[in-house]
């Protein structure tokens, strides 16, 4: 018999339109049929049955509770409580009952996805692993740096609550998995965790096939296409696009007045679209798309103008797999083993970001060199099967020497 792994997520994992969902779903998809029998529990929205076929690809059993509806009043109430607001909205009595029922089946190990899911868990657990996709407190602390009062004070208050919550939650788990060596070291130093295991983000190198930069139609002398992909209801993405719009783009169109920007992602704020239109910029906000690849394929430069956030960003590896020549802030590629000038161009202020984009618009050999090096890196080291093997090994070891069996024994038992 295979050991049984219970996975508790505070988010329904479909559609795959957010980094955390993509990372967790692909990890589980590549684990299914391997060492563990996987039971997944999570909230589910109305109409979730349309995702039944997708759910079946990532777990052997699935149990859910109704996805909580969070009102604006509930968010305000969360600001006044002890829990961080983003955590308080995950509290669910129905969720706790479903988790308790799943734990009553005595799984061999429990994998908790995101620290937020801790509010659904009882105090005592079997061998337990927590998969944290960010250093959560850093997201709030970096927002403080870019916000003026009075909202700055709100972010400071939330940052303090998140730091205390995150510290206490991570210390309570026997095994912590982080998404990069940088995050693992930060969690250990900031929270006194004995060890956090880094597992890099993966990418589907077959789905995101390489499009050599020299096969993309070259830009006209007064133009060029910049592409950004990411959920546009994410605070960090909104702030990054505001930076691009207000500080970077005027410098780009001063040199190339017909430059275009394709902002690809769900729920773009109306005020951002209105700002771009009022300035006469040739910007397209796509809204939700089923497939980002046709959009990325148009890029003479792929931009990541992020200044807020934590963890690692799947968009980076997806763009690199496709060979899109990339410009990013240091934070945008934080925690990823990429080299400035080899795999991307680093730009941390408006002037350097604009200049890097203009460099890629003008320099075809530079675009091709970045494209080839980026594709080679992800193809060699960051396919999902390779990443998932490391993740699965950590989960097996977390069961402890008294319970763990070798992977070869597990696979023989499941064959």
Protein backbone atom coordinates (compact mmCIF):
# COMPACT_ATOMS: atom_id res chain seq x y z
CA UNK A 1 0.00 0.00 0.00
CA UNK A 2 1.19 3.47 -0.76
CA UNK A 3 1.45 5.93 2.11
CA UNK A 4 -1.44 8.39 2.14
CA UNK A 5 -0.73 12.09 1.76
CA UNK A 6 -3.42 14.59 2.74
CA UNK A 7 -3.05 17.95 1.00
CA UNK A 8 -4.89 20.93 2.51
CA UNK A 9 -5.16 24.05 0.36
CA UNK A 10 -6.95 27.28 1.28
CA UNK A 11 -7.58 27.93 -2.44
CA UNK A 12 -9.43 26.02 -5.13
CA UNK A 13 -6.67 25.21 -7.61
CA UNK A 14 -8.52 25.87 -10.87
CA UNK A 15 -8.42 27.64 -13.20
CA UNK A 16 -4.63 27.79 -13.38
CA UNK A 17 -4.46 31.58 -13.50
CA UNK A 18 -2.32 32.38 -10.45
CA UNK A 19 1.25 31.47 -9.62
CA UNK A 20 0.39 29.57 -6.44
CA UNK A 21 -2.32 27.54 -8.14
CA UNK A 22 -0.07 26.71 -11.08
CA UNK A 23 2.81 25.69 -8.82
CA UNK A 24 0.73 23.48 -6.52
CA UNK A 25 -1.39 21.89 -9.25
CA UNK A 26 1.61 21.00 -11.40
CA UNK A 27 3.46 19.61 -8.40
CA UNK A 28 0.51 17.38 -7.51
CA UNK A 29 -0.05 16.38 -11.15
CA UNK A 30 3.51 15.15 -11.40
CA UNK A 31 3.29 13.40 -8.00
CA UNK A 32 0.09 11.53 -8.82
CA UNK A 33 0.78 7.90 -9.60
CA UNK A 34 4.09 8.10 -7.77
CA UNK A 35 5.01 7.53 -4.16
CA UNK A 36 1.73 8.62 -2.51
CA UNK A 37 -1.99 8.14 -2.61
CA UNK A 38 -3.05 11.81 -2.63
CA UNK A 39 -6.20 13.21 -1.06
CA UNK A 40 -6.79 16.92 -1.68
CA UNK A 41 -9.16 19.08 0.37
CA UNK A 42 -9.92 22.71 -0.44
CA UNK A 43 -12.80 25.15 -0.79
CA UNK A 44 -14.69 25.01 -4.07
CA UNK A 45 -16.75 27.69 -5.82
CA UNK A 46 -20.20 27.23 -7.29
CA UNK A 47 -19.95 25.33 -10.55
CA UNK A 48 -16.69 23.63 -9.57
CA UNK A 49 -17.87 20.41 -11.21
CA UNK A 50 -16.69 21.76 -14.56
CA UNK A 51 -13.18 21.21 -13.27
CA UNK A 52 -13.75 17.56 -12.30
CA UNK A 53 -11.55 16.20 -15.10
CA UNK A 54 -8.72 18.56 -14.14
CA UNK A 55 -9.02 17.69 -10.45
CA UNK A 56 -8.75 14.00 -11.33
CA UNK A 57 -5.32 14.63 -12.85
CA UNK A 58 -3.83 15.99 -9.61
CA UNK A 59 -5.20 13.74 -6.84
CA UNK A 60 -6.74 10.38 -6.12
CA UNK A 61 -9.57 11.80 -3.99
CA UNK A 62 -11.01 15.29 -3.53
CA UNK A 63 -13.22 16.73 -0.80
CA UNK A 64 -14.40 20.33 -0.60
CA UNK A 65 -16.40 22.89 1.32
CA UNK A 66 -18.19 25.95 -0.09
CA UNK A 67 -15.80 28.74 -0.97
CA UNK A 68 -16.31 31.58 1.53
CA UNK A 69 -17.81 34.79 0.23
CA UNK A 70 -15.84 37.73 1.59
CA UNK A 71 -17.61 41.08 1.78
CA UNK A 72 -15.97 44.47 2.02
CA UNK A 73 -17.28 44.67 5.59
CA UNK A 74 -15.61 41.35 6.32
CA UNK A 75 -12.30 42.67 5.03
CA UNK A 76 -12.58 45.75 7.25
CA UNK A 77 -13.37 43.51 10.21
CA UNK A 78 -10.26 41.51 9.33
CA UNK A 79 -8.15 44.64 9.70
CA UNK A 80 -9.32 44.95 13.29
CA UNK A 81 -8.70 41.32 14.27
CA UNK A 82 -5.60 39.49 15.48
CA UNK A 83 -5.11 37.54 12.26
CA UNK A 84 -3.77 39.21 9.10
CA UNK A 85 -6.73 40.25 6.95
CA UNK A 86 -5.68 37.93 4.11
CA UNK A 87 -5.64 35.01 6.55
CA UNK A 88 -8.86 35.88 8.38
CA UNK A 89 -10.81 35.55 5.13
CA UNK A 90 -9.76 31.86 4.95
CA UNK A 91 -11.33 30.96 8.31
CA UNK A 92 -14.17 28.53 7.67
CA UNK A 93 -16.08 26.31 10.10
CA UNK A 94 -17.13 24.11 7.18
CA UNK A 95 -13.53 23.87 6.08
CA UNK A 96 -12.40 22.81 9.53
CA UNK A 97 -15.01 20.05 9.55
CA UNK A 98 -13.88 18.71 6.15
CA UNK A 99 -10.24 18.80 7.26
CA UNK A 100 -11.11 17.06 10.54
CA UNK A 101 -12.96 14.31 8.65
CA UNK A 102 -9.96 13.83 6.36
CA UNK A 103 -7.58 13.66 9.32
CA UNK A 104 -9.83 11.06 10.95
CA UNK A 105 -8.83 8.72 8.11
CA UNK A 106 -5.30 8.81 9.62
CA UNK A 107 -3.16 9.88 6.67
CA UNK A 108 0.53 9.08 6.88
CA UNK A 109 1.52 12.69 6.24
CA UNK A 110 -0.16 16.07 5.80
CA UNK A 111 0.95 18.72 3.31
CA UNK A 112 -0.38 22.20 4.04
CA UNK A 113 -0.33 24.58 1.07
CA UNK A 114 0.41 28.18 2.18
CA UNK A 115 0.56 29.26 5.84
CA UNK A 116 -3.01 30.60 5.46
CA UNK A 117 -4.30 27.03 5.56
CA UNK A 118 -3.16 26.72 9.18
CA UNK A 119 -6.43 28.34 10.30
CA UNK A 120 -8.20 25.18 9.10
CA UNK A 121 -5.99 22.76 11.02
CA UNK A 122 -6.21 21.30 14.54
CA UNK A 123 -3.31 21.74 16.93
CA UNK A 124 -2.08 18.13 16.72
CA UNK A 125 -1.08 16.64 13.36
CA UNK A 126 0.59 13.51 11.98
CA UNK A 127 3.96 14.11 10.27
CA UNK A 128 3.34 17.46 8.62
CA UNK A 129 4.85 19.54 5.82
CA UNK A 130 4.09 23.16 4.97
CA UNK A 131 4.65 24.48 1.46
CA UNK A 132 5.11 28.24 1.58
CA UNK A 133 5.21 30.06 -1.74
CA UNK A 134 6.47 33.37 -0.33
CA UNK A 135 7.96 35.00 2.70
CA UNK A 136 4.49 36.37 3.36
CA UNK A 137 5.48 39.23 5.69
CA UNK A 138 7.83 40.62 3.06
CA UNK A 139 4.93 41.30 0.72
CA UNK A 140 3.39 43.66 3.26
CA UNK A 141 6.69 45.21 4.31
CA UNK A 142 7.62 46.03 0.73
CA UNK A 143 4.20 47.57 0.20
CA UNK A 144 4.88 49.84 3.18
CA UNK A 145 7.97 51.21 1.44
CA UNK A 146 5.93 52.31 -1.60
CA UNK A 147 2.81 53.64 0.15
CA UNK A 148 2.06 56.98 1.75
CA UNK A 149 0.00 57.59 4.90
CA UNK A 150 -2.69 56.76 5.84
CA UNK A 151 -2.52 53.48 3.88
CA UNK A 152 1.10 53.11 4.90
CA UNK A 153 -0.01 52.72 8.53
CA UNK A 154 -2.52 50.04 7.51
CA UNK A 155 0.20 48.08 5.71
CA UNK A 156 2.56 48.45 8.69
CA UNK A 157 -0.12 47.04 11.00
CA UNK A 158 -0.84 44.13 8.65
CA UNK A 159 2.89 43.46 8.20
CA UNK A 160 3.35 43.09 11.95
CA UNK A 161 0.40 40.72 12.22
CA UNK A 162 1.64 38.64 9.30
CA UNK A 163 5.18 38.39 10.67
CA UNK A 164 3.89 37.05 14.01
CA UNK A 165 1.42 34.69 12.34
CA UNK A 166 3.92 33.38 9.81
CA UNK A 167 6.59 32.82 12.48
CA UNK A 168 4.24 30.86 14.74
CA UNK A 169 2.80 28.76 11.92
CA UNK A 170 6.08 27.79 10.33
CA UNK A 171 7.64 26.87 13.68
CA UNK A 172 4.77 24.47 14.33
CA UNK A 173 5.51 22.28 11.29
CA UNK A 174 8.09 19.53 11.18
CA UNK A 175 9.09 20.21 7.57
CA UNK A 176 9.06 23.53 5.69
CA UNK A 177 9.38 23.72 1.88
CA UNK A 178 10.25 27.05 0.26
CA UNK A 179 10.30 27.98 -3.41
CA UNK A 180 13.95 29.07 -3.58
CA UNK A 181 17.24 28.94 -1.71
CA UNK A 182 16.88 32.65 -1.00
CA UNK A 183 13.44 32.17 0.62
CA UNK A 184 14.66 29.15 2.59
CA UNK A 185 17.53 31.15 4.06
CA UNK A 186 15.25 34.10 4.82
CA UNK A 187 12.77 31.88 6.69
CA UNK A 188 15.54 30.28 8.71
CA UNK A 189 17.18 33.57 9.67
CA UNK A 190 14.01 35.57 10.29
CA UNK A 191 11.98 32.94 12.12
CA UNK A 192 14.57 30.65 13.66
CA UNK A 193 13.43 27.60 11.69
CA UNK A 194 16.12 24.89 11.90
CA UNK A 195 15.81 24.06 8.20
CA UNK A 196 13.69 25.04 5.21
CA UNK A 197 14.02 22.89 2.11
CA UNK A 198 14.25 24.83 -1.18
CA UNK A 199 12.46 23.39 -4.20
CA UNK A 200 12.66 25.50 -7.33
CA UNK A 201 9.67 26.38 -9.46
CA UNK A 202 9.12 24.25 -12.55
CA UNK A 203 7.83 24.91 -16.04
CA UNK A 204 6.23 22.79 -18.74
CA UNK A 205 8.98 23.06 -21.34
CA UNK A 206 6.89 21.24 -23.95
CA UNK A 207 3.82 23.45 -23.56
CA UNK A 208 5.90 26.64 -23.45
CA UNK A 209 7.91 25.83 -26.54
CA UNK A 210 10.87 27.92 -27.61
CA UNK A 211 10.23 30.68 -30.14
CA UNK A 212 13.71 31.92 -31.15
CA UNK A 213 13.87 35.70 -31.01
CA UNK A 214 15.09 35.86 -34.61
CA UNK A 215 11.81 34.31 -35.80
CA UNK A 216 9.75 37.18 -34.38
CA UNK A 217 9.16 39.96 -36.92
CA UNK A 218 11.59 42.76 -36.08
CA UNK A 219 10.18 46.02 -34.70
CA UNK A 220 9.95 49.10 -36.88
CA UNK A 221 12.49 51.84 -36.12
CA UNK A 222 9.91 53.85 -34.16
CA UNK A 223 8.17 50.92 -32.44
CA UNK A 224 8.45 47.63 -30.61
CA UNK A 225 6.23 45.41 -28.46
CA UNK A 226 6.59 44.98 -24.70
CA UNK A 227 4.59 42.15 -23.10
CA UNK A 228 3.66 41.64 -19.46
CA UNK A 229 1.69 38.65 -18.18
CA UNK A 230 0.14 38.31 -14.75
CA UNK A 231 -3.13 38.50 -12.85
CA UNK A 232 -4.13 42.15 -12.88
CA UNK A 233 -6.10 41.88 -9.65
CA UNK A 234 -2.81 41.23 -7.81
CA UNK A 235 -1.58 44.22 -5.78
CA UNK A 236 2.05 43.62 -6.75
CA UNK A 237 1.20 43.44 -10.47
CA UNK A 238 -0.97 46.57 -10.30
CA UNK A 239 1.82 48.52 -8.61
CA UNK A 240 4.32 47.29 -11.19
CA UNK A 241 2.15 48.31 -14.14
CA UNK A 242 1.53 51.72 -12.56
CA UNK A 243 5.31 52.14 -12.36
CA UNK A 244 5.62 51.10 -16.02
CA UNK A 245 2.83 53.42 -17.08
CA UNK A 246 3.79 56.55 -15.17
CA UNK A 247 7.58 56.42 -14.96
CA UNK A 248 8.97 54.06 -17.60
CA UNK A 249 6.73 54.44 -20.65
CA UNK A 250 7.20 58.19 -21.19
CA UNK A 251 10.93 57.54 -21.62
CA UNK A 252 10.31 54.71 -24.08
CA UNK A 253 7.95 56.61 -26.37
CA UNK A 254 10.28 59.63 -26.34
CA UNK A 255 12.59 57.44 -28.44
CA UNK A 256 10.10 55.06 -30.07
CA UNK A 257 6.74 56.84 -30.24
CA UNK A 258 4.89 53.86 -31.75
CA UNK A 259 5.93 51.38 -29.06
CA UNK A 260 3.13 49.11 -27.83
CA UNK A 261 2.47 47.37 -24.53
CA UNK A 262 0.39 44.18 -24.17
CA UNK A 263 -0.78 43.74 -20.56
CA UNK A 264 -2.05 40.17 -20.41
CA UNK A 265 -4.01 39.04 -17.38
CA UNK A 266 -7.42 38.89 -15.78
CA UNK A 267 -9.33 41.78 -14.20
CA UNK A 268 -7.23 44.79 -15.21
CA UNK A 269 -8.34 47.79 -13.12
CA UNK A 270 -10.49 50.26 -15.03
CA UNK A 271 -8.48 53.21 -13.72
CA UNK A 272 -5.26 51.80 -15.22
CA UNK A 273 -6.90 51.32 -18.58
CA UNK A 274 -8.31 54.83 -18.42
CA UNK A 275 -4.90 56.30 -17.54
CA UNK A 276 -3.21 54.61 -20.49
CA UNK A 277 -5.98 55.73 -22.86
CA UNK A 278 -5.93 59.32 -21.57
CA UNK A 279 -2.19 59.54 -22.28
CA UNK A 280 -2.71 58.24 -25.81
CA UNK A 281 -0.55 55.16 -25.21
CA UNK A 282 -0.85 52.17 -27.50
CA UNK A 283 -1.60 49.76 -24.66
CA UNK A 284 -3.84 46.70 -24.84
CA UNK A 285 -5.26 45.15 -21.66
CA UNK A 286 -6.33 41.65 -22.67
CA UNK A 287 -8.30 40.61 -19.61
CA UNK A 288 -8.47 36.88 -18.95
CA UNK A 289 -7.00 34.68 -21.69
CA UNK A 290 -6.98 30.89 -21.90
CA UNK A 291 -3.47 30.85 -23.36
CA UNK A 292 -0.75 33.46 -22.88
CA UNK A 293 1.56 31.94 -25.50
CA UNK A 294 0.27 33.81 -28.56
CA UNK A 295 0.71 37.06 -26.66
CA UNK A 296 4.22 36.30 -25.40
CA UNK A 297 5.19 35.24 -28.92
CA UNK A 298 4.79 38.87 -30.03
CA UNK A 299 7.33 40.23 -27.54
CA UNK A 300 10.44 42.09 -28.58
CA UNK A 301 10.83 42.59 -24.84
CA UNK A 302 9.09 40.79 -21.98
CA UNK A 303 8.87 43.11 -18.96
CA UNK A 304 8.67 42.34 -15.24
CA UNK A 305 8.50 45.79 -13.57
CA UNK A 306 7.72 44.46 -10.09
CA UNK A 307 8.75 46.28 -6.93
CA UNK A 308 6.44 44.53 -4.43
CA UNK A 309 6.04 40.84 -3.61
CA UNK A 310 7.91 37.79 -2.41
CA UNK A 311 8.57 34.22 -3.50
CA UNK A 312 9.33 33.31 -7.09
CA UNK A 313 7.30 34.06 -10.20
CA UNK A 314 6.25 31.37 -12.63
CA UNK A 315 5.88 33.98 -15.36
CA UNK A 316 9.67 34.25 -15.43
CA UNK A 317 10.29 30.62 -16.32
CA UNK A 318 7.34 30.53 -18.73
CA UNK A 319 8.73 33.51 -20.63
CA UNK A 320 12.25 32.06 -20.51
CA UNK A 321 11.04 28.71 -21.82
CA UNK A 322 9.50 30.52 -24.79
CA UNK A 323 12.70 32.49 -25.28
CA UNK A 324 11.13 35.92 -24.75
CA UNK A 325 13.94 38.49 -24.25
CA UNK A 326 13.38 39.70 -20.70
CA UNK A 327 13.84 42.89 -18.69
CA UNK A 328 13.18 42.64 -14.96
CA UNK A 329 13.73 44.35 -11.68
CA UNK A 330 15.88 42.41 -9.24
CA UNK A 331 12.78 41.63 -7.19
CA UNK A 332 11.02 40.28 -10.27
CA UNK A 333 13.55 37.44 -10.57
CA UNK A 334 14.31 37.17 -6.85
CA UNK A 335 15.27 33.67 -5.78
CA UNK A 336 15.79 32.39 -9.32
CA UNK A 337 19.23 31.24 -10.59
CA UNK A 338 19.40 33.70 -13.47
CA UNK A 339 22.27 35.99 -14.41
CA UNK A 340 21.97 39.62 -15.46
CA UNK A 341 23.27 40.04 -18.99
CA UNK A 342 23.09 36.31 -19.75
CA UNK A 343 19.47 35.30 -19.18
CA UNK A 344 17.82 38.72 -18.78
CA UNK A 345 18.58 42.44 -18.38
CA UNK A 346 18.24 43.82 -14.85
CA UNK A 347 16.73 47.28 -14.34
CA UNK A 348 15.63 48.58 -10.94
CA UNK A 349 14.68 52.19 -11.68
CA UNK A 350 12.59 53.84 -14.36
CA UNK A 351 15.46 55.14 -16.47
CA UNK A 352 17.39 51.87 -16.54
CA UNK A 353 14.18 49.90 -17.23
CA UNK A 354 13.31 52.13 -20.19
CA UNK A 355 16.88 51.92 -21.51
CA UNK A 356 16.92 48.11 -21.24
CA UNK A 357 13.65 47.85 -23.17
CA UNK A 358 14.97 50.22 -25.84
CA UNK A 359 18.16 48.16 -26.05
CA UNK A 360 16.16 45.02 -26.79
CA UNK A 361 13.97 46.81 -29.33
CA UNK A 362 17.09 47.95 -31.20
CA UNK A 363 19.50 45.02 -30.82
CA UNK A 364 18.41 41.79 -32.56
CA UNK A 365 21.58 39.82 -31.68
CA UNK A 366 21.10 40.71 -28.02
CA UNK A 367 17.51 39.51 -28.13
CA UNK A 368 18.60 36.22 -29.69
CA UNK A 369 21.43 35.63 -27.20
CA UNK A 370 19.14 36.17 -24.18
CA UNK A 371 16.46 34.00 -25.78
CA UNK A 372 18.76 31.03 -26.38
CA UNK A 373 20.44 31.19 -22.96
CA UNK A 374 17.12 31.46 -21.11
CA UNK A 375 15.61 28.49 -22.92
CA UNK A 376 18.70 26.35 -22.35
CA UNK A 377 18.62 27.05 -18.61
CA UNK A 378 15.02 26.07 -17.97
CA UNK A 379 15.15 23.08 -20.31
CA UNK A 380 18.18 21.64 -18.54
CA UNK A 381 17.13 22.18 -14.92
CA UNK A 382 13.54 23.25 -14.34
CA UNK A 383 11.10 20.86 -15.99
CA UNK A 384 8.18 19.92 -13.73
CA UNK A 385 9.12 16.21 -13.47
CA UNK A 386 12.61 17.08 -12.22
CA UNK A 387 11.34 19.63 -9.71
CA UNK A 388 8.60 17.31 -8.46
CA UNK A 389 11.00 14.44 -7.76
CA UNK A 390 12.80 16.66 -5.24
CA UNK A 391 9.47 17.72 -3.68
CA UNK A 392 8.26 14.12 -3.36
CA UNK A 393 11.53 13.03 -1.72
CA UNK A 394 11.10 15.70 0.97
CA UNK A 395 7.55 14.53 1.67
CA UNK A 396 8.73 10.92 2.00
CA UNK A 397 11.49 11.90 4.42
CA UNK A 398 9.01 13.93 6.48
CA UNK A 399 7.22 10.73 7.45
CA UNK A 400 10.16 9.97 9.75
CA UNK A 401 12.57 7.03 9.98
CA UNK A 402 10.01 4.89 11.76
CA UNK A 403 7.44 5.18 8.99
CA UNK A 404 9.24 6.07 5.78
CA UNK A 405 9.84 3.43 3.14
CA UNK A 406 12.05 3.72 0.12
CA UNK A 407 10.69 5.17 -3.10
CA UNK A 408 11.42 1.94 -4.94
CA UNK A 409 9.30 0.01 -2.40
CA UNK A 410 6.48 2.51 -2.78
CA UNK A 411 6.50 2.34 -6.55
CA UNK A 412 6.56 -1.50 -6.51
CA UNK A 413 3.58 -1.46 -4.11
CA UNK A 414 1.66 0.90 -6.39
CA UNK A 415 2.45 -0.87 -9.63
